[in-house]
Amino acid sequence: MNYTAVYDVSSYKTSIISSVKTNFSSDVPGLTIQCTNGNYVPSATELKTKIDFRCEPVCVEACQNGGKCVSPFSCECTRNWMGAACDLNVNDKCTENINDYTLTKATLQKDPSNPKLQWLVCETGFKIREDVFKAPIYCAGGVWVMEKVKKVSELGGTLSCLPNCVGGCNGVCHGNNVCVERTSVCSDIVVINGRSRR
């Protein structure tokens, strides 16, 4: 679920609270809890008025340097910090060379107003993800960070853009709206004693 419950326990039995707290499930007969619109909603009507349930997001890495967990796996960082856990200082000198990374279907453009910012720009017909064709890459904590979260070094040494087919593709998208339909299905081939058998 990637959310944890926060609730006021002052007005209800602790035995039910501990079951809810440890299991978030139907361990208590007739009690099911779902996270809906940022709130935990217990199924038992009488509990809805006696316990104040609400959801708080869970970040796998604890947000550091005053950062706040704002959605599952996403920290909102304070000024001068970025990274998945707000652990990279934007004032640190860059020790990585962005030009050491391989570009696939993309180019890098320097930002004239900020020497610690470059833009990954996809070639026509390619995308970073749905409806995103250009992304900022910052130098922070001595390393390059894509969209303030993912270290470029953790992307396998390649900055890539993916093929884009507007409206989707039921086959294989090769980029630039070129979709090759899958026309044949291959059956598995098993090799026994050097001979193949379908």
Protein backbone atom coordinates (compact mmCIF):
# COMPACT_ATOMS: atom_id res chain seq x y z
CA MET A 1 0.00 0.00 0.00
CA ASN A 2 3.03 2.30 0.65
CA TYR A 3 1.08 4.27 3.26
CA THR A 4 1.02 3.94 7.01
CA ALA A 5 -1.85 4.80 9.33
CA VAL A 6 -1.93 7.66 11.80
CA TYR A 7 -4.84 7.68 14.20
CA ASP A 8 -6.15 8.96 17.49
CA VAL A 9 -6.34 6.05 19.94
CA SER A 10 -7.67 7.98 22.92
CA SER A 11 -11.31 7.00 22.54
CA TYR A 12 -11.35 3.31 21.67
CA LYS A 13 -10.30 -0.12 22.99
CA THR A 14 -6.56 -0.72 22.81
CA SER A 15 -7.05 -4.38 21.84
CA ILE A 16 -8.72 -3.39 18.57
CA ILE A 17 -6.22 -0.60 18.00
CA SER A 18 -3.25 -2.97 18.31
CA SER A 19 -4.80 -5.44 15.90
CA VAL A 20 -5.45 -2.66 13.41
CA LYS A 21 -1.99 -1.21 13.97
CA THR A 22 -0.14 -4.46 13.35
CA ASN A 23 -2.21 -5.91 10.54
CA PHE A 24 -4.24 -3.23 8.74
CA SER A 25 -6.54 -6.04 7.68
CA SER A 26 -9.53 -8.09 8.63
CA ASP A 27 -7.77 -9.63 11.66
CA VAL A 28 -10.52 -8.11 13.78
CA PRO A 29 -13.81 -9.78 12.71
CA GLY A 30 -15.73 -7.56 10.34
CA LEU A 31 -12.97 -4.94 10.10
CA THR A 32 -11.41 -4.09 6.77
CA ILE A 33 -9.40 -0.93 6.26
CA GLN A 34 -8.73 0.65 2.89
CA CYS A 35 -6.74 3.75 2.00
CA THR A 36 -9.15 6.02 0.08
CA ASN A 37 -8.37 9.59 -0.93
CA GLY A 38 -5.60 9.86 1.65
CA ASN A 39 -7.69 8.45 4.50
CA TYR A 40 -7.95 5.01 6.02
CA VAL A 41 -11.59 4.01 6.03
CA PRO A 42 -12.55 1.13 8.34
CA SER A 43 -15.50 -0.98 7.22
CA ALA A 44 -17.12 -1.10 10.66
CA THR A 45 -19.33 2.00 10.82
CA GLU A 46 -19.02 2.37 14.58
CA LEU A 47 -15.23 2.67 14.28
CA LYS A 48 -15.40 5.50 11.73
CA THR A 49 -16.61 7.92 14.37
CA LYS A 50 -14.39 6.68 17.21
CA ILE A 51 -10.98 6.53 15.50
CA ASP A 52 -9.46 9.27 13.37
CA PHE A 53 -7.78 7.35 10.54
CA ARG A 54 -5.68 9.03 7.87
CA CYS A 55 -2.84 7.97 5.58
CA GLU A 56 0.73 9.15 5.64
CA PRO A 57 3.10 8.20 2.82
CA VAL A 58 6.04 5.88 3.43
CA CYS A 59 9.45 6.74 1.97
CA VAL A 60 11.83 3.76 1.82
CA GLU A 61 14.79 6.04 2.49
CA ALA A 62 14.06 8.47 5.31
CA CYS A 63 13.99 12.08 4.09
CA GLN A 64 17.06 13.92 5.37
CA ASN A 65 18.08 17.56 5.92
CA GLY A 66 14.56 18.77 6.72
CA GLY A 67 12.93 16.99 3.76
CA LYS A 68 9.36 15.71 4.06
CA CYS A 69 7.85 12.50 2.71
CA VAL A 70 5.00 13.77 0.50
CA SER A 71 4.01 10.65 -1.44
CA PRO A 72 5.20 7.03 -1.51
CA PHE A 73 8.95 7.00 -2.24
CA SER A 74 9.05 10.78 -2.80
CA CYS A 75 10.65 13.40 -0.53
CA GLU A 76 10.08 17.13 -0.86
CA CYS A 77 13.48 18.65 -0.15
CA THR A 78 14.34 21.94 1.51
CA ARG A 79 16.39 24.60 -0.26
CA ASN A 80 19.88 23.50 -1.37
CA TRP A 81 19.08 19.76 -1.13
CA MET A 82 17.92 17.18 -3.67
CA GLY A 83 18.01 13.44 -4.32
CA ALA A 84 15.61 10.64 -3.44
CA ALA A 85 16.33 11.16 0.28
CA CYS A 86 17.30 14.88 0.15
CA ASP A 87 20.89 13.81 0.79
CA LEU A 88 22.67 15.70 -2.02
CA ASN A 89 23.81 19.28 -1.46
CA VAL A 90 23.45 21.48 -4.55
CA ASN A 91 26.39 23.60 -3.39
CA ASP A 92 28.92 20.73 -3.59
CA LYS A 93 31.43 20.84 -6.44
CA CYS A 94 30.66 18.44 -9.28
CA THR A 95 33.25 15.64 -9.42
CA GLU A 96 31.54 13.61 -12.18
CA ASN A 97 31.90 14.55 -15.83
CA ILE A 98 28.47 14.44 -17.49
CA ASN A 99 30.18 13.80 -20.83
CA ASP A 100 31.39 10.40 -19.57
CA TYR A 101 27.84 9.06 -19.97
CA THR A 102 26.50 7.55 -23.19
CA LEU A 103 23.51 9.27 -24.78
CA THR A 104 20.87 7.22 -26.61
CA LYS A 105 18.39 9.12 -28.82
CA ALA A 106 19.10 12.28 -26.80
CA THR A 107 21.35 15.32 -26.54
CA LEU A 108 22.54 17.42 -23.59
CA GLN A 109 22.01 21.17 -23.56
CA LYS A 110 23.78 23.43 -21.05
CA ASP A 111 21.65 25.90 -19.17
CA PRO A 112 23.18 29.36 -19.80
CA SER A 113 22.03 30.70 -16.42
CA ASN A 114 23.18 27.78 -14.23
CA PRO A 115 26.49 25.91 -14.72
CA LYS A 116 25.21 23.05 -12.54
CA LEU A 117 22.18 22.39 -14.76
CA GLN A 118 21.93 20.63 -18.09
CA TRP A 119 18.89 19.44 -20.02
CA LEU A 120 18.45 15.96 -21.47
CA VAL A 121 16.50 16.56 -24.69
CA CYS A 122 15.05 13.62 -26.62
CA GLU A 123 15.32 13.33 -30.38
CA THR A 124 12.05 13.74 -32.30
CA GLY A 125 9.87 10.66 -31.87
CA PHE A 126 11.42 9.65 -28.52
CA LYS A 127 10.48 10.35 -24.88
CA ILE A 128 11.82 10.09 -21.34
CA ARG A 129 8.42 8.83 -20.18
CA GLU A 130 4.80 9.55 -21.11
CA ASP A 131 4.49 13.15 -22.37
CA VAL A 132 7.99 14.10 -21.09
CA PHE A 133 10.53 14.88 -23.80
CA LYS A 134 13.00 17.07 -21.89
CA ALA A 135 14.33 16.66 -18.33
CA PRO A 136 16.68 18.63 -16.07
CA ILE A 137 19.94 17.08 -14.88
CA TYR A 138 21.53 18.84 -11.91
CA CYS A 139 24.92 18.60 -10.29
CA ALA A 140 24.40 18.02 -6.55
CA GLY A 141 26.44 16.24 -3.92
CA GLY A 142 29.25 15.98 -6.48
CA VAL A 143 27.18 13.81 -8.84
CA TRP A 144 24.65 14.38 -11.65
CA VAL A 145 21.02 13.87 -10.68
CA MET A 146 18.15 13.46 -13.17
CA GLU A 147 14.96 15.36 -12.29
CA LYS A 148 16.33 16.04 -8.78
CA VAL A 149 15.87 12.41 -7.74
CA LYS A 150 17.78 9.67 -9.62
CA LYS A 151 21.59 9.63 -9.69
CA VAL A 152 22.74 9.34 -13.31
CA SER A 153 25.44 6.87 -12.18
CA GLU A 154 22.63 4.48 -11.14
CA LEU A 155 21.12 4.51 -14.63
CA GLY A 156 23.77 2.15 -16.02
CA GLY A 157 26.02 4.83 -17.54
CA THR A 158 23.45 5.72 -20.21
CA LEU A 159 21.05 8.62 -20.55
CA SER A 160 18.32 7.26 -22.79
CA CYS A 161 15.09 8.29 -24.42
CA LEU A 162 12.48 5.65 -25.26
CA PRO A 163 10.62 5.17 -28.54
CA ASN A 164 7.39 7.16 -28.67
CA CYS A 165 4.26 6.08 -30.55
CA VAL A 166 1.41 8.56 -30.10
CA GLY A 167 -1.79 6.70 -29.21
CA GLY A 168 0.12 3.59 -28.13
CA CYS A 169 1.30 0.55 -30.03
CA ASN A 170 0.05 -3.06 -29.96
CA GLY A 171 3.33 -4.28 -31.36
CA VAL A 172 6.84 -2.87 -30.98
CA CYS A 173 7.31 0.92 -31.04
CA HIS A 174 10.49 1.92 -32.89
CA GLY A 175 10.03 5.65 -32.25
CA ASN A 176 8.75 8.50 -34.38
CA ASN A 177 5.29 6.85 -34.45
CA VAL A 178 6.63 3.74 -36.18
CA CYS A 179 4.79 0.77 -34.75
CA VAL A 180 5.57 -2.73 -36.01
CA GLU A 181 2.68 -5.10 -35.35
CA ARG A 182 3.39 -8.55 -34.00
CA THR A 183 2.15 -10.92 -36.68
CA SER A 184 3.50 -14.25 -35.55
CA VAL A 185 3.85 -16.02 -32.25
CA CYS A 186 6.81 -18.32 -31.84
CA SER A 187 6.33 -21.50 -29.87
CA ASP A 188 8.93 -22.62 -27.38
CA ILE A 189 11.68 -24.84 -28.74
CA VAL A 190 13.12 -27.49 -26.47
CA VAL A 191 16.51 -28.98 -27.30
CA ILE A 192 16.94 -32.64 -26.29
CA ASN A 193 20.16 -34.50 -27.13
CA GLY A 194 21.10 -31.91 -29.72
CA ARG A 195 17.73 -32.07 -31.54
CA SER A 196 15.07 -29.41 -31.30
CA ARG A 197 11.46 -30.27 -30.63
CA ARG A 198 8.40 -27.98 -30.53
